[in-house]
Amino acid sequence: MIKKMNIDNDIIFKSKVSKWIAGLYVGILIFLVIMFIGMPFVAPMTFLEKIIFITIYFIVFLVIIFTLYRAYRLIFIISKDRFVIGGLLKKHIIMFSDIKEVKKTPIPLGFRLFGASLLGGRYYFPGVGNASVAMSNFDDGVLVTTKDGYNFLITPMEPLRFIDILKDEIK
């Protein structure tokens, strides 16, 4: 979905969320709820064990909900002089003058360097190098490379249209 917003006419692309990824996270949440309800019947626990179990359960539960929420709130903004990857906790701002290349790419198999979910963080991709990843599906993505050698792998809706608009703005 693409829309223009605010007085600056920024172009906003939402992220396309994979049904498989959303289904996986919802399935994990359902499993956790069943475990939470069933665990006291299967394994009797002392009061301290119950507190530890509930604490760990809620932390994992909140991380999964946060990850799913983040996937649906991820946006990519093309402004008049910059490109912004908008997440919940952090925004990457890339000036057009710093962009070296923008191209469509399949999501390669990478090695996680830092991050808390399948959908984002720092990865190492053979042939690409280190990249900041902000994705919500495993379809084709967009690789944005800066002149400083930073790579950003993103998954906007309509990646070809996104690339065309970004390339037009960069010129």
N, C-alpha and C. Protein backbone atom coordinates (compact mmCIF):
# COMPACT_ATOMS: atom_id res chain seq x y z
N MET A 1 0.85 -1.17 0.00
CA MET A 1 0.00 0.00 0.00
C MET A 1 0.90 1.23 0.00
N ILE A 2 0.56 2.14 -0.86
CA ILE A 2 1.34 3.37 -0.98
C ILE A 2 0.39 4.53 -0.74
N LYS A 3 0.86 5.51 0.02
CA LYS A 3 0.03 6.69 0.21
C LYS A 3 0.91 7.90 0.41
N LYS A 4 0.36 9.04 0.08
CA LYS A 4 1.05 10.30 0.35
C LYS A 4 0.50 10.83 1.66
N MET A 5 1.42 11.36 2.45
CA MET A 5 0.99 11.82 3.76
C MET A 5 1.74 13.09 4.12
N ASN A 6 1.20 13.91 4.88
CA ASN A 6 1.69 15.17 5.43
C ASN A 6 1.90 16.23 4.35
N ILE A 7 2.26 17.42 4.77
CA ILE A 7 2.35 18.55 3.85
C ILE A 7 3.55 18.47 2.92
N ASP A 8 4.53 17.63 3.27
CA ASP A 8 5.72 17.50 2.42
C ASP A 8 5.52 16.51 1.28
N ASN A 9 4.35 15.89 1.19
CA ASN A 9 4.07 14.89 0.17
C ASN A 9 5.05 13.73 0.19
N ASP A 10 5.41 13.27 1.37
CA ASP A 10 6.24 12.08 1.49
C ASP A 10 5.48 10.88 0.93
N ILE A 11 6.19 9.98 0.31
CA ILE A 11 5.58 8.76 -0.21
C ILE A 11 5.88 7.65 0.78
N ILE A 12 4.83 7.00 1.26
CA ILE A 12 4.97 6.00 2.31
C ILE A 12 4.59 4.63 1.76
N PHE A 13 5.51 3.71 1.85
CA PHE A 13 5.26 2.32 1.47
C PHE A 13 5.17 1.50 2.75
N LYS A 14 4.11 0.72 2.86
CA LYS A 14 4.01 -0.20 3.98
C LYS A 14 4.77 -1.47 3.63
N SER A 15 5.08 -2.23 4.64
CA SER A 15 5.75 -3.50 4.44
C SER A 15 4.71 -4.58 4.16
N LYS A 16 5.05 -5.48 3.29
CA LYS A 16 4.17 -6.61 2.97
C LYS A 16 4.48 -7.72 3.96
N VAL A 17 3.49 -8.09 4.78
CA VAL A 17 3.68 -9.12 5.81
C VAL A 17 3.28 -10.48 5.24
N SER A 18 4.19 -11.42 5.30
CA SER A 18 3.96 -12.77 4.81
C SER A 18 2.92 -13.48 5.68
N LYS A 19 1.98 -14.16 5.05
CA LYS A 19 0.99 -14.93 5.80
C LYS A 19 1.65 -16.07 6.55
N TRP A 20 2.74 -16.60 5.98
CA TRP A 20 3.46 -17.69 6.64
C TRP A 20 4.13 -17.21 7.92
N ILE A 21 4.72 -16.04 7.86
CA ILE A 21 5.39 -15.50 9.05
C ILE A 21 4.36 -15.15 10.11
N ALA A 22 3.29 -14.47 9.71
CA ALA A 22 2.24 -14.12 10.67
C ALA A 22 1.64 -15.40 11.27
N GLY A 23 1.39 -16.41 10.43
CA GLY A 23 0.85 -17.68 10.92
C GLY A 23 1.78 -18.38 11.89
N LEU A 24 3.08 -18.32 11.60
CA LEU A 24 4.07 -18.93 12.50
C LEU A 24 4.04 -18.27 13.87
N TYR A 25 4.04 -16.94 13.89
CA TYR A 25 4.02 -16.23 15.17
C TYR A 25 2.70 -16.44 15.93
N VAL A 26 1.58 -16.45 15.22
CA VAL A 26 0.29 -16.70 15.87
C VAL A 26 0.26 -18.13 16.41
N GLY A 27 0.80 -19.08 15.64
CA GLY A 27 0.86 -20.47 16.11
C GLY A 27 1.70 -20.60 17.37
N ILE A 28 2.82 -19.89 17.42
CA ILE A 28 3.66 -19.91 18.62
C ILE A 28 2.91 -19.32 19.80
N LEU A 29 2.16 -18.24 19.55
CA LEU A 29 1.37 -17.64 20.64
C LEU A 29 0.31 -18.60 21.16
N ILE A 30 -0.36 -19.30 20.26
CA ILE A 30 -1.38 -20.28 20.67
C ILE A 30 -0.73 -21.40 21.48
N PHE A 31 0.41 -21.89 21.01
CA PHE A 31 1.15 -22.92 21.74
C PHE A 31 1.51 -22.44 23.15
N LEU A 32 1.97 -21.19 23.25
CA LEU A 32 2.34 -20.65 24.56
C LEU A 32 1.14 -20.56 25.50
N VAL A 33 -0.01 -20.18 24.96
CA VAL A 33 -1.22 -20.09 25.79
C VAL A 33 -1.61 -21.48 26.28
N ILE A 34 -1.55 -22.47 25.39
CA ILE A 34 -1.88 -23.84 25.80
C ILE A 34 -0.90 -24.33 26.86
N MET A 35 0.38 -24.04 26.66
CA MET A 35 1.39 -24.43 27.66
C MET A 35 1.13 -23.73 28.99
N PHE A 36 0.79 -22.46 28.93
CA PHE A 36 0.56 -21.69 30.15
C PHE A 36 -0.61 -22.27 30.94
N ILE A 37 -1.66 -22.65 30.23
CA ILE A 37 -2.84 -23.21 30.89
C ILE A 37 -2.56 -24.64 31.37
N GLY A 38 -1.86 -25.43 30.55
CA GLY A 38 -1.66 -26.84 30.86
C GLY A 38 -0.51 -27.16 31.78
N MET A 39 0.49 -26.32 31.83
CA MET A 39 1.71 -26.62 32.61
C MET A 39 1.43 -26.90 34.09
N PRO A 40 0.61 -26.11 34.77
CA PRO A 40 0.37 -26.41 36.20
C PRO A 40 -0.26 -27.79 36.43
N PHE A 41 -1.00 -28.32 35.46
CA PHE A 41 -1.61 -29.64 35.62
C PHE A 41 -0.60 -30.76 35.41
N VAL A 42 0.38 -30.51 34.56
CA VAL A 42 1.37 -31.53 34.22
C VAL A 42 2.52 -31.54 35.22
N ALA A 43 2.97 -30.38 35.61
CA ALA A 43 4.14 -30.28 36.50
C ALA A 43 3.80 -29.41 37.70
N PRO A 44 3.54 -30.03 38.83
CA PRO A 44 3.28 -29.23 40.03
C PRO A 44 4.50 -28.36 40.36
N MET A 45 4.25 -27.11 40.71
CA MET A 45 5.35 -26.17 40.95
C MET A 45 5.18 -25.51 42.31
N THR A 46 6.31 -25.16 42.88
CA THR A 46 6.30 -24.36 44.10
C THR A 46 5.95 -22.93 43.72
N PHE A 47 5.73 -22.11 44.73
CA PHE A 47 5.38 -20.71 44.47
C PHE A 47 6.47 -20.00 43.69
N LEU A 48 7.73 -20.19 44.07
CA LEU A 48 8.86 -19.55 43.38
C LEU A 48 8.97 -20.04 41.94
N GLU A 49 8.78 -21.33 41.72
CA GLU A 49 8.82 -21.86 40.35
C GLU A 49 7.70 -21.27 39.50
N LYS A 50 6.52 -21.08 40.10
CA LYS A 50 5.42 -20.47 39.36
C LYS A 50 5.74 -19.03 38.97
N ILE A 51 6.34 -18.28 39.89
CA ILE A 51 6.71 -16.89 39.60
C ILE A 51 7.73 -16.85 38.46
N ILE A 52 8.74 -17.71 38.52
CA ILE A 52 9.76 -17.76 37.46
C ILE A 52 9.11 -18.16 36.13
N PHE A 53 8.26 -19.19 36.14
CA PHE A 53 7.59 -19.64 34.93
C PHE A 53 6.73 -18.52 34.32
N ILE A 54 5.94 -17.86 35.14
CA ILE A 54 5.06 -16.79 34.65
C ILE A 54 5.90 -15.63 34.11
N THR A 55 6.97 -15.27 34.79
CA THR A 55 7.83 -14.17 34.32
C THR A 55 8.44 -14.48 32.96
N ILE A 56 9.04 -15.65 32.84
CA ILE A 56 9.65 -16.04 31.55
C ILE A 56 8.58 -16.13 30.47
N TYR A 57 7.45 -16.71 30.80
CA TYR A 57 6.34 -16.84 29.84
C TYR A 57 5.92 -15.47 29.31
N PHE A 58 5.70 -14.52 30.20
CA PHE A 58 5.24 -13.20 29.75
C PHE A 58 6.30 -12.46 28.96
N ILE A 59 7.56 -12.62 29.29
CA ILE A 59 8.63 -11.99 28.51
C ILE A 59 8.63 -12.54 27.08
N VAL A 60 8.59 -13.85 26.94
CA VAL A 60 8.58 -14.47 25.61
C VAL A 60 7.31 -14.07 24.86
N PHE A 61 6.19 -14.11 25.54
CA PHE A 61 4.90 -13.74 24.93
C PHE A 61 4.94 -12.30 24.41
N LEU A 62 5.45 -11.38 25.22
CA LEU A 62 5.52 -9.97 24.81
C LEU A 62 6.50 -9.76 23.65
N VAL A 63 7.62 -10.48 23.64
CA VAL A 63 8.57 -10.36 22.53
C VAL A 63 7.92 -10.81 21.23
N ILE A 64 7.17 -11.89 21.27
CA ILE A 64 6.52 -12.39 20.05
C ILE A 64 5.43 -11.42 19.59
N ILE A 65 4.63 -10.92 20.52
CA ILE A 65 3.60 -9.94 20.14
C ILE A 65 4.25 -8.67 19.58
N PHE A 66 5.32 -8.21 20.21
CA PHE A 66 6.04 -7.03 19.74
C PHE A 66 6.58 -7.26 18.32
N THR A 67 7.14 -8.42 18.07
CA THR A 67 7.69 -8.73 16.75
C THR A 67 6.60 -8.72 15.69
N LEU A 68 5.48 -9.32 15.99
CA LEU A 68 4.36 -9.35 15.04
C LEU A 68 3.80 -7.94 14.81
N TYR A 69 3.66 -7.17 15.88
CA TYR A 69 3.19 -5.80 15.77
C TYR A 69 4.16 -4.96 14.93
N ARG A 70 5.46 -5.15 15.17
CA ARG A 70 6.49 -4.44 14.42
C ARG A 70 6.40 -4.73 12.93
N ALA A 71 6.13 -5.99 12.58
CA ALA A 71 6.04 -6.36 11.17
C ALA A 71 4.92 -5.59 10.47
N TYR A 72 3.81 -5.39 11.16
CA TYR A 72 2.68 -4.68 10.56
C TYR A 72 2.84 -3.16 10.59
N ARG A 73 3.74 -2.65 11.42
CA ARG A 73 3.94 -1.20 11.54
C ARG A 73 5.16 -0.70 10.77
N LEU A 74 5.90 -1.59 10.14
CA LEU A 74 7.11 -1.23 9.41
C LEU A 74 6.75 -0.41 8.17
N ILE A 75 7.39 0.76 8.02
CA ILE A 75 7.11 1.61 6.85
C ILE A 75 8.43 2.09 6.24
N PHE A 76 8.33 2.44 4.97
CA PHE A 76 9.46 2.98 4.23
C PHE A 76 9.01 4.29 3.60
N ILE A 77 9.67 5.38 3.96
CA ILE A 77 9.23 6.72 3.54
C ILE A 77 10.25 7.30 2.57
N ILE A 78 9.74 7.74 1.42
CA ILE A 78 10.56 8.46 0.46
C ILE A 78 10.15 9.92 0.57
N SER A 79 11.07 10.75 1.06
CA SER A 79 10.82 12.16 1.27
C SER A 79 11.48 12.95 0.15
N LYS A 80 11.54 14.26 0.29
CA LYS A 80 12.11 15.07 -0.79
C LYS A 80 13.63 14.96 -0.89
N ASP A 81 14.31 14.63 0.22
CA ASP A 81 15.77 14.54 0.16
C ASP A 81 16.33 13.33 0.90
N ARG A 82 15.46 12.45 1.37
CA ARG A 82 15.92 11.32 2.17
C ARG A 82 14.98 10.14 2.06
N PHE A 83 15.51 9.01 2.46
CA PHE A 83 14.76 7.76 2.52
C PHE A 83 14.80 7.31 3.98
N VAL A 84 13.65 6.95 4.54
CA VAL A 84 13.56 6.59 5.95
C VAL A 84 12.97 5.18 6.08
N ILE A 85 13.67 4.36 6.86
CA ILE A 85 13.14 3.06 7.23
C ILE A 85 12.58 3.23 8.63
N GLY A 86 11.28 3.19 8.75
CA GLY A 86 10.63 3.48 10.03
C GLY A 86 10.21 2.24 10.77
N GLY A 87 10.90 1.95 11.85
CA GLY A 87 10.53 0.86 12.74
C GLY A 87 9.90 1.42 14.00
N LEU A 88 9.65 0.56 14.95
CA LEU A 88 9.05 1.01 16.20
C LEU A 88 10.06 1.66 17.13
N LEU A 89 11.24 1.09 17.23
CA LEU A 89 12.23 1.60 18.17
C LEU A 89 13.31 2.44 17.51
N LYS A 90 13.55 2.21 16.24
CA LYS A 90 14.66 2.88 15.58
C LYS A 90 14.28 3.24 14.14
N LYS A 91 14.78 4.38 13.71
CA LYS A 91 14.60 4.79 12.32
C LYS A 91 15.97 4.93 11.67
N HIS A 92 16.07 4.42 10.47
CA HIS A 92 17.28 4.64 9.67
C HIS A 92 16.96 5.74 8.67
N ILE A 93 17.75 6.79 8.68
CA ILE A 93 17.56 7.90 7.74
C ILE A 93 18.75 7.89 6.79
N ILE A 94 18.45 7.78 5.51
CA ILE A 94 19.49 7.73 4.48
C ILE A 94 19.24 8.88 3.51
N MET A 95 20.19 9.78 3.44
CA MET A 95 20.07 10.91 2.50
C MET A 95 20.24 10.38 1.08
N PHE A 96 19.50 10.97 0.14
CA PHE A 96 19.61 10.54 -1.26
C PHE A 96 21.04 10.66 -1.78
N SER A 97 21.74 11.68 -1.33
CA SER A 97 23.12 11.89 -1.79
C SER A 97 24.06 10.77 -1.33
N ASP A 98 23.64 10.01 -0.31
CA ASP A 98 24.46 8.91 0.20
C ASP A 98 24.17 7.57 -0.46
N ILE A 99 23.10 7.49 -1.25
CA ILE A 99 22.70 6.21 -1.86
C ILE A 99 23.53 5.94 -3.10
N LYS A 100 24.13 4.77 -3.12
CA LYS A 100 24.95 4.34 -4.25
C LYS A 100 24.13 3.51 -5.24
N GLU A 101 23.33 2.57 -4.71
CA GLU A 101 22.61 1.65 -5.58
C GLU A 101 21.33 1.18 -4.90
N VAL A 102 20.29 0.97 -5.72
CA VAL A 102 19.02 0.42 -5.26
C VAL A 102 18.64 -0.66 -6.26
N LYS A 103 18.43 -1.88 -5.76
CA LYS A 103 18.07 -2.95 -6.70
C LYS A 103 17.20 -3.99 -6.02
N LYS A 104 16.42 -4.66 -6.85
CA LYS A 104 15.59 -5.75 -6.37
C LYS A 104 16.48 -6.97 -6.20
N THR A 105 16.22 -7.73 -5.14
CA THR A 105 17.03 -8.90 -4.87
C THR A 105 16.19 -9.96 -4.17
N PRO A 106 16.48 -11.22 -4.44
CA PRO A 106 15.81 -12.25 -3.64
C PRO A 106 16.37 -12.19 -2.22
N ILE A 107 15.58 -12.59 -1.26
CA ILE A 107 16.05 -12.59 0.13
C ILE A 107 17.05 -13.74 0.25
N PRO A 108 18.33 -13.41 0.42
CA PRO A 108 19.33 -14.48 0.49
C PRO A 108 19.38 -15.11 1.89
N LEU A 109 19.98 -16.29 1.94
CA LEU A 109 20.20 -16.93 3.23
C LEU A 109 21.32 -16.19 3.93
N GLY A 110 21.05 -15.70 5.13
CA GLY A 110 22.04 -14.92 5.84
C GLY A 110 22.29 -15.45 7.23
N PHE A 111 23.30 -14.91 7.85
CA PHE A 111 23.67 -15.29 9.21
C PHE A 111 23.43 -14.11 10.13
N ARG A 112 22.64 -14.35 11.17
CA ARG A 112 22.29 -13.28 12.09
C ARG A 112 23.52 -12.84 12.89
N LEU A 113 23.72 -11.55 12.92
CA LEU A 113 24.78 -10.98 13.75
C LEU A 113 24.19 -10.36 15.01
N PHE A 114 23.00 -9.73 14.85
CA PHE A 114 22.35 -9.09 15.99
C PHE A 114 20.88 -8.91 15.65
N GLY A 115 19.99 -9.13 16.60
CA GLY A 115 18.57 -8.94 16.39
C GLY A 115 17.77 -9.95 17.18
N ALA A 116 16.47 -9.68 17.34
CA ALA A 116 15.65 -10.52 18.21
C ALA A 116 14.60 -11.33 17.47
N SER A 117 14.54 -11.25 16.16
CA SER A 117 13.51 -11.99 15.44
C SER A 117 14.01 -12.34 14.05
N LEU A 118 13.18 -13.07 13.33
CA LEU A 118 13.50 -13.39 11.93
C LEU A 118 13.36 -12.17 11.04
N LEU A 119 12.74 -11.12 11.54
CA LEU A 119 12.32 -10.03 10.68
C LEU A 119 13.22 -8.81 10.66
N GLY A 120 14.24 -8.81 11.44
CA GLY A 120 15.09 -7.63 11.45
C GLY A 120 16.36 -7.83 12.23
N GLY A 121 17.21 -6.83 12.14
CA GLY A 121 18.47 -6.86 12.85
C GLY A 121 19.63 -6.74 11.87
N ARG A 122 20.80 -7.15 12.33
CA ARG A 122 22.00 -7.14 11.48
C ARG A 122 22.28 -8.57 11.03
N TYR A 123 22.54 -8.72 9.74
CA TYR A 123 22.83 -10.02 9.16
C TYR A 123 24.09 -9.93 8.31
N TYR A 124 24.69 -11.07 8.07
CA TYR A 124 25.77 -11.18 7.09
C TYR A 124 25.23 -12.03 5.94
N PHE A 125 25.29 -11.48 4.73
CA PHE A 125 24.85 -12.20 3.54
C PHE A 125 26.05 -12.42 2.63
N PRO A 126 26.35 -13.68 2.27
CA PRO A 126 27.44 -13.92 1.33
C PRO A 126 27.17 -13.18 0.02
N GLY A 127 28.17 -12.51 -0.49
CA GLY A 127 28.03 -11.75 -1.72
C GLY A 127 27.55 -10.33 -1.51
N VAL A 128 26.99 -10.05 -0.35
CA VAL A 128 26.49 -8.71 -0.04
C VAL A 128 27.31 -8.09 1.10
N GLY A 129 27.57 -8.88 2.11
CA GLY A 129 28.25 -8.39 3.31
C GLY A 129 27.26 -8.16 4.42
N ASN A 130 27.64 -7.35 5.39
CA ASN A 130 26.75 -7.01 6.50
C ASN A 130 25.61 -6.14 5.99
N ALA A 131 24.43 -6.36 6.54
CA ALA A 131 23.28 -5.55 6.14
C ALA A 131 22.33 -5.38 7.31
N SER A 132 21.73 -4.21 7.39
CA SER A 132 20.62 -3.99 8.32
C SER A 132 19.37 -4.48 7.61
N VAL A 133 18.62 -5.32 8.29
CA VAL A 133 17.45 -5.95 7.68
C VAL A 133 16.19 -5.43 8.36
N ALA A 134 15.24 -5.00 7.54
CA ALA A 134 13.91 -4.61 8.01
C ALA A 134 12.91 -5.25 7.06
N MET A 135 12.49 -6.46 7.39
CA MET A 135 11.64 -7.20 6.47
C MET A 135 10.49 -7.85 7.21
N SER A 136 9.48 -8.20 6.44
CA SER A 136 8.32 -8.86 7.02
C SER A 136 7.83 -9.99 6.13
N ASN A 137 8.65 -10.39 5.17
CA ASN A 137 8.35 -11.54 4.33
C ASN A 137 9.65 -12.06 3.73
N PHE A 138 9.55 -13.19 3.07
CA PHE A 138 10.74 -13.78 2.45
C PHE A 138 10.67 -13.73 0.93
N ASP A 139 9.80 -12.88 0.38
CA ASP A 139 9.73 -12.68 -1.06
C ASP A 139 10.90 -11.79 -1.47
N ASP A 140 10.87 -11.38 -2.72
CA ASP A 140 11.93 -10.49 -3.19
C ASP A 140 11.96 -9.22 -2.37
N GLY A 141 13.15 -8.76 -2.11
CA GLY A 141 13.33 -7.55 -1.34
C GLY A 141 14.04 -6.49 -2.16
N VAL A 142 14.37 -5.42 -1.50
CA VAL A 142 15.09 -4.31 -2.11
C VAL A 142 16.37 -4.12 -1.31
N LEU A 143 17.48 -4.09 -2.03
CA LEU A 143 18.78 -3.87 -1.41
C LEU A 143 19.20 -2.44 -1.70
N VAL A 144 19.35 -1.64 -0.64
CA VAL A 144 19.81 -0.25 -0.77
C VAL A 144 21.24 -0.21 -0.23
N THR A 145 22.16 0.21 -1.09
CA THR A 145 23.57 0.30 -0.72
C THR A 145 23.98 1.76 -0.70
N THR A 146 24.69 2.16 0.35
CA THR A 146 25.16 3.54 0.45
C THR A 146 26.60 3.64 -0.04
N LYS A 147 27.02 4.87 -0.29
CA LYS A 147 28.40 5.12 -0.73
C LYS A 147 29.41 4.75 0.35
N ASP A 148 28.98 4.75 1.61
CA ASP A 148 29.85 4.38 2.72
C ASP A 148 29.96 2.86 2.90
N GLY A 149 29.23 2.10 2.07
CA GLY A 149 29.29 0.65 2.15
C GLY A 149 28.26 0.00 3.05
N TYR A 150 27.30 0.76 3.56
CA TYR A 150 26.23 0.18 4.37
C TYR A 150 25.17 -0.41 3.44
N ASN A 151 24.62 -1.55 3.86
CA ASN A 151 23.57 -2.20 3.09
C ASN A 151 22.30 -2.29 3.93
N PHE A 152 21.17 -2.07 3.28
CA PHE A 152 19.87 -2.18 3.94
C PHE A 152 19.01 -3.10 3.07
N LEU A 153 18.49 -4.16 3.65
CA LEU A 153 17.61 -5.09 2.94
C LEU A 153 16.21 -4.90 3.49
N ILE A 154 15.29 -4.50 2.62
CA ILE A 154 13.92 -4.17 3.05
C ILE A 154 12.92 -4.90 2.16
N THR A 155 11.67 -4.97 2.61
CA THR A 155 10.62 -5.64 1.84
C THR A 155 9.36 -4.77 1.76
N PRO A 156 9.39 -3.73 0.95
CA PRO A 156 8.17 -2.91 0.80
C PRO A 156 7.15 -3.60 -0.10
N MET A 157 5.89 -3.22 0.05
CA MET A 157 4.89 -3.66 -0.91
C MET A 157 5.28 -3.06 -2.26
N GLU A 158 5.02 -3.77 -3.31
CA GLU A 158 5.33 -3.32 -4.66
C GLU A 158 6.80 -2.90 -4.79
N PRO A 159 7.72 -3.84 -4.64
CA PRO A 159 9.15 -3.47 -4.65
C PRO A 159 9.61 -2.80 -5.94
N LEU A 160 9.10 -3.21 -7.09
CA LEU A 160 9.54 -2.59 -8.34
C LEU A 160 9.09 -1.13 -8.42
N ARG A 161 7.89 -0.86 -7.98
CA ARG A 161 7.40 0.52 -7.97
C ARG A 161 8.20 1.36 -6.97
N PHE A 162 8.50 0.76 -5.83
CA PHE A 162 9.31 1.43 -4.82
C PHE A 162 10.67 1.81 -5.41
N ILE A 163 11.30 0.87 -6.09
CA ILE A 163 12.62 1.12 -6.70
C ILE A 163 12.53 2.25 -7.73
N ASP A 164 11.51 2.20 -8.58
CA ASP A 164 11.35 3.24 -9.61
C ASP A 164 11.19 4.63 -8.98
N ILE A 165 10.34 4.73 -7.96
CA ILE A 165 10.11 6.02 -7.31
C ILE A 165 11.38 6.51 -6.61
N LEU A 166 12.06 5.60 -5.90
CA LEU A 166 13.29 6.00 -5.20
C LEU A 166 14.37 6.43 -6.19
N LYS A 167 14.52 5.71 -7.29
CA LYS A 167 15.52 6.08 -8.29
C LYS A 167 15.18 7.44 -8.93
N ASP A 168 13.88 7.70 -9.17
CA ASP A 168 13.47 9.00 -9.72
C ASP A 168 13.79 10.14 -8.76
N GLU A 169 13.60 9.89 -7.47
CA GLU A 169 13.87 10.92 -6.46
C GLU A 169 15.38 11.17 -6.30
N ILE A 170 16.17 10.13 -6.47
CA ILE A 170 17.62 10.26 -6.29
C ILE A 170 18.24 11.11 -7.39
N LYS A 171 17.72 11.01 -8.59
CA LYS A 171 18.30 11.72 -9.74
C LYS A 171 18.22 13.22 -9.60
